[in-house]
C-alpha atoms as a PDB file:
ATOM      1  CA  UNK A   1      47.416 103.561 193.563  1.00  0.00           C
ATOM      2  CA  UNK A   2      50.745 104.974 191.805  1.00  0.00           C
ATOM      3  CA  UNK A   3      50.264 108.251 189.759  1.00  0.00           C
ATOM      4  CA  UNK A   4      52.923 109.927 187.269  1.00  0.00           C
ATOM      5  CA  UNK A   5      53.931 113.198 187.776  1.00  0.00           C
ATOM      6  CA  UNK A   6      55.683 115.049 185.194  1.00  0.00           C
ATOM      7  CA  UNK A   7      59.324 116.408 186.635  1.00  0.00           C
ATOM      8  CA  UNK A   8      61.099 117.553 183.758  1.00  0.00           C
ATOM      9  CA  UNK A   9      61.342 118.223 179.952  1.00  0.00           C
ATOM     10  CA  UNK A  10      64.448 118.095 177.653  1.00  0.00           C
ATOM     11  CA  UNK A  11      64.390 119.084 173.917  1.00  0.00           C
ATOM     12  CA  UNK A  12      66.724 117.569 171.907  1.00  0.00           C
ATOM     13  CA  UNK A  13      67.590 118.508 168.365  1.00  0.00           C
ATOM     14  CA  UNK A  14      69.619 116.332 165.613  1.00  0.00           C
ATOM     15  CA  UNK A  15      71.028 118.110 162.995  1.00  0.00           C
ATOM     16  CA  UNK A  16      73.615 117.182 160.234  1.00  0.00           C
ATOM     17  CA  UNK A  17      77.206 118.101 161.006  1.00  0.00           C
ATOM     18  CA  UNK A  18      78.744 116.480 157.599  1.00  0.00           C
ATOM     19  CA  UNK A  19      79.597 113.534 155.684  1.00  0.00           C
ATOM     20  CA  UNK A  20      81.973 110.714 156.410  1.00  0.00           C
ATOM     21  CA  UNK A  21      84.673 109.588 154.286  1.00  0.00           C
ATOM     22  CA  UNK A  22      82.362 106.829 152.488  1.00  0.00           C
ATOM     23  CA  UNK A  23      80.296 110.136 151.433  1.00  0.00           C
ATOM     24  CA  UNK A  24      77.127 109.018 154.456  1.00  0.00           C
ATOM     25  CA  UNK A  25      75.586 111.859 156.232  1.00  0.00           C
ATOM     26  CA  UNK A  26      76.869 112.581 159.889  1.00  0.00           C
ATOM     27  CA  UNK A  27      74.576 113.949 162.719  1.00  0.00           C
ATOM     28  CA  UNK A  28      74.762 114.966 166.321  1.00  0.00           C
ATOM     29  CA  UNK A  29      72.475 116.189 168.497  1.00  0.00           C
ATOM     30  CA  UNK A  30      72.308 118.762 171.100  1.00  0.00           C
ATOM     31  CA  UNK A  31      70.086 118.306 174.472  1.00  0.00           C
ATOM     32  CA  UNK A  32      68.653 121.310 176.490  1.00  0.00           C
ATOM     33  CA  UNK A  33      66.982 120.365 179.877  1.00  0.00           C
ATOM     34  CA  UNK A  34      65.024 122.044 182.448  1.00  0.00           C
ATOM     35  CA  UNK A  35      62.447 123.103 179.442  1.00  0.00           C
ATOM     36  CA  UNK A  36      59.656 125.086 181.317  1.00  0.00           C
ATOM     37  CA  UNK A  37      57.118 122.143 182.478  1.00  0.00           C
ATOM     38  CA  UNK A  38      54.007 124.315 181.500  1.00  0.00           C
ATOM     39  CA  UNK A  39      54.899 124.963 177.985  1.00  0.00           C
ATOM     40  CA  UNK A  40      52.605 124.325 175.235  1.00  0.00           C
ATOM     41  CA  UNK A  41      53.911 122.009 172.170  1.00  0.00           C
ATOM     42  CA  UNK A  42      53.334 124.743 169.914  1.00  0.00           C
ATOM     43  CA  UNK A  43      55.355 126.599 172.124  1.00  0.00           C
ATOM     44  CA  UNK A  44      58.154 124.076 172.242  1.00  0.00           C
ATOM     45  CA  UNK A  45      58.428 123.820 168.739  1.00  0.00           C
ATOM     46  CA  UNK A  46      58.793 127.495 167.877  1.00  0.00           C
ATOM     47  CA  UNK A  47      61.421 127.528 170.562  1.00  0.00           C
ATOM     48  CA  UNK A  48      63.302 124.536 168.889  1.00  0.00           C
ATOM     49  CA  UNK A  49      62.505 126.448 165.707  1.00  0.00           C
ATOM     50  CA  UNK A  50      64.273 129.523 166.718  1.00  0.00           C
ATOM     51  CA  UNK A  51      67.271 127.701 168.331  1.00  0.00           C
ATOM     52  CA  UNK A  52      67.603 125.848 164.924  1.00  0.00           C
ATOM     53  CA  UNK A  53      68.059 129.181 163.325  1.00  0.00           C
ATOM     54  CA  UNK A  54      71.080 129.867 165.533  1.00  0.00           C
ATOM     55  CA  UNK A  55      72.952 126.979 164.244  1.00  0.00           C
ATOM     56  CA  UNK A  56      74.743 126.511 161.116  1.00  0.00           C
ATOM     57  CA  UNK A  57      72.824 123.826 159.742  1.00  0.00           C
ATOM     58  CA  UNK A  58      68.968 122.866 159.633  1.00  0.00           C
ATOM     59  CA  UNK A  59      67.491 120.725 162.670  1.00  0.00           C
ATOM     60  CA  UNK A  60      66.594 117.081 161.256  1.00  0.00           C
ATOM     61  CA  UNK A  61      64.010 116.849 164.139  1.00  0.00           C
ATOM     62  CA  UNK A  62      63.069 118.385 167.462  1.00  0.00           C
ATOM     63  CA  UNK A  63      62.310 116.105 169.964  1.00  0.00           C
ATOM     64  CA  UNK A  64      60.539 116.559 173.099  1.00  0.00           C
ATOM     65  CA  UNK A  65      61.614 114.065 176.275  1.00  0.00           C
ATOM     66  CA  UNK A  66      59.338 113.937 178.951  1.00  0.00           C
ATOM     67  CA  UNK A  67      60.724 112.308 182.495  1.00  0.00           C
ATOM     68  CA  UNK A  68      58.027 111.439 184.667  1.00  0.00           C
ATOM     69  CA  UNK A  69      58.169 110.362 188.723  1.00  0.00           C
ATOM     70  CA  UNK A  70      55.998 107.446 189.594  1.00  0.00           C
ATOM     71  CA  UNK A  71      54.807 107.712 193.418  1.00  0.00           C
ATOM     72  CA  UNK A  72      52.194 105.677 195.603  1.00  0.00           C
ATOM     73  CA  UNK A  73      49.354 108.210 196.420  1.00  0.00           C
END
């Protein structure tokens, strides 16, 4: 029987970087890898909000990406 084991957390923040020649918004993203595996969703969000305050522009979204290792036990 196979089981999935959480092996990694990453935080991805998307933010506005400016506008292009057509006047459309341009965006970029930043990945923060190796986020603690035992961090609650609420704590994860609070860390994202704190990091967002350090940036020159507000975050559009904060995404949690989890990686799993699937093994046969």
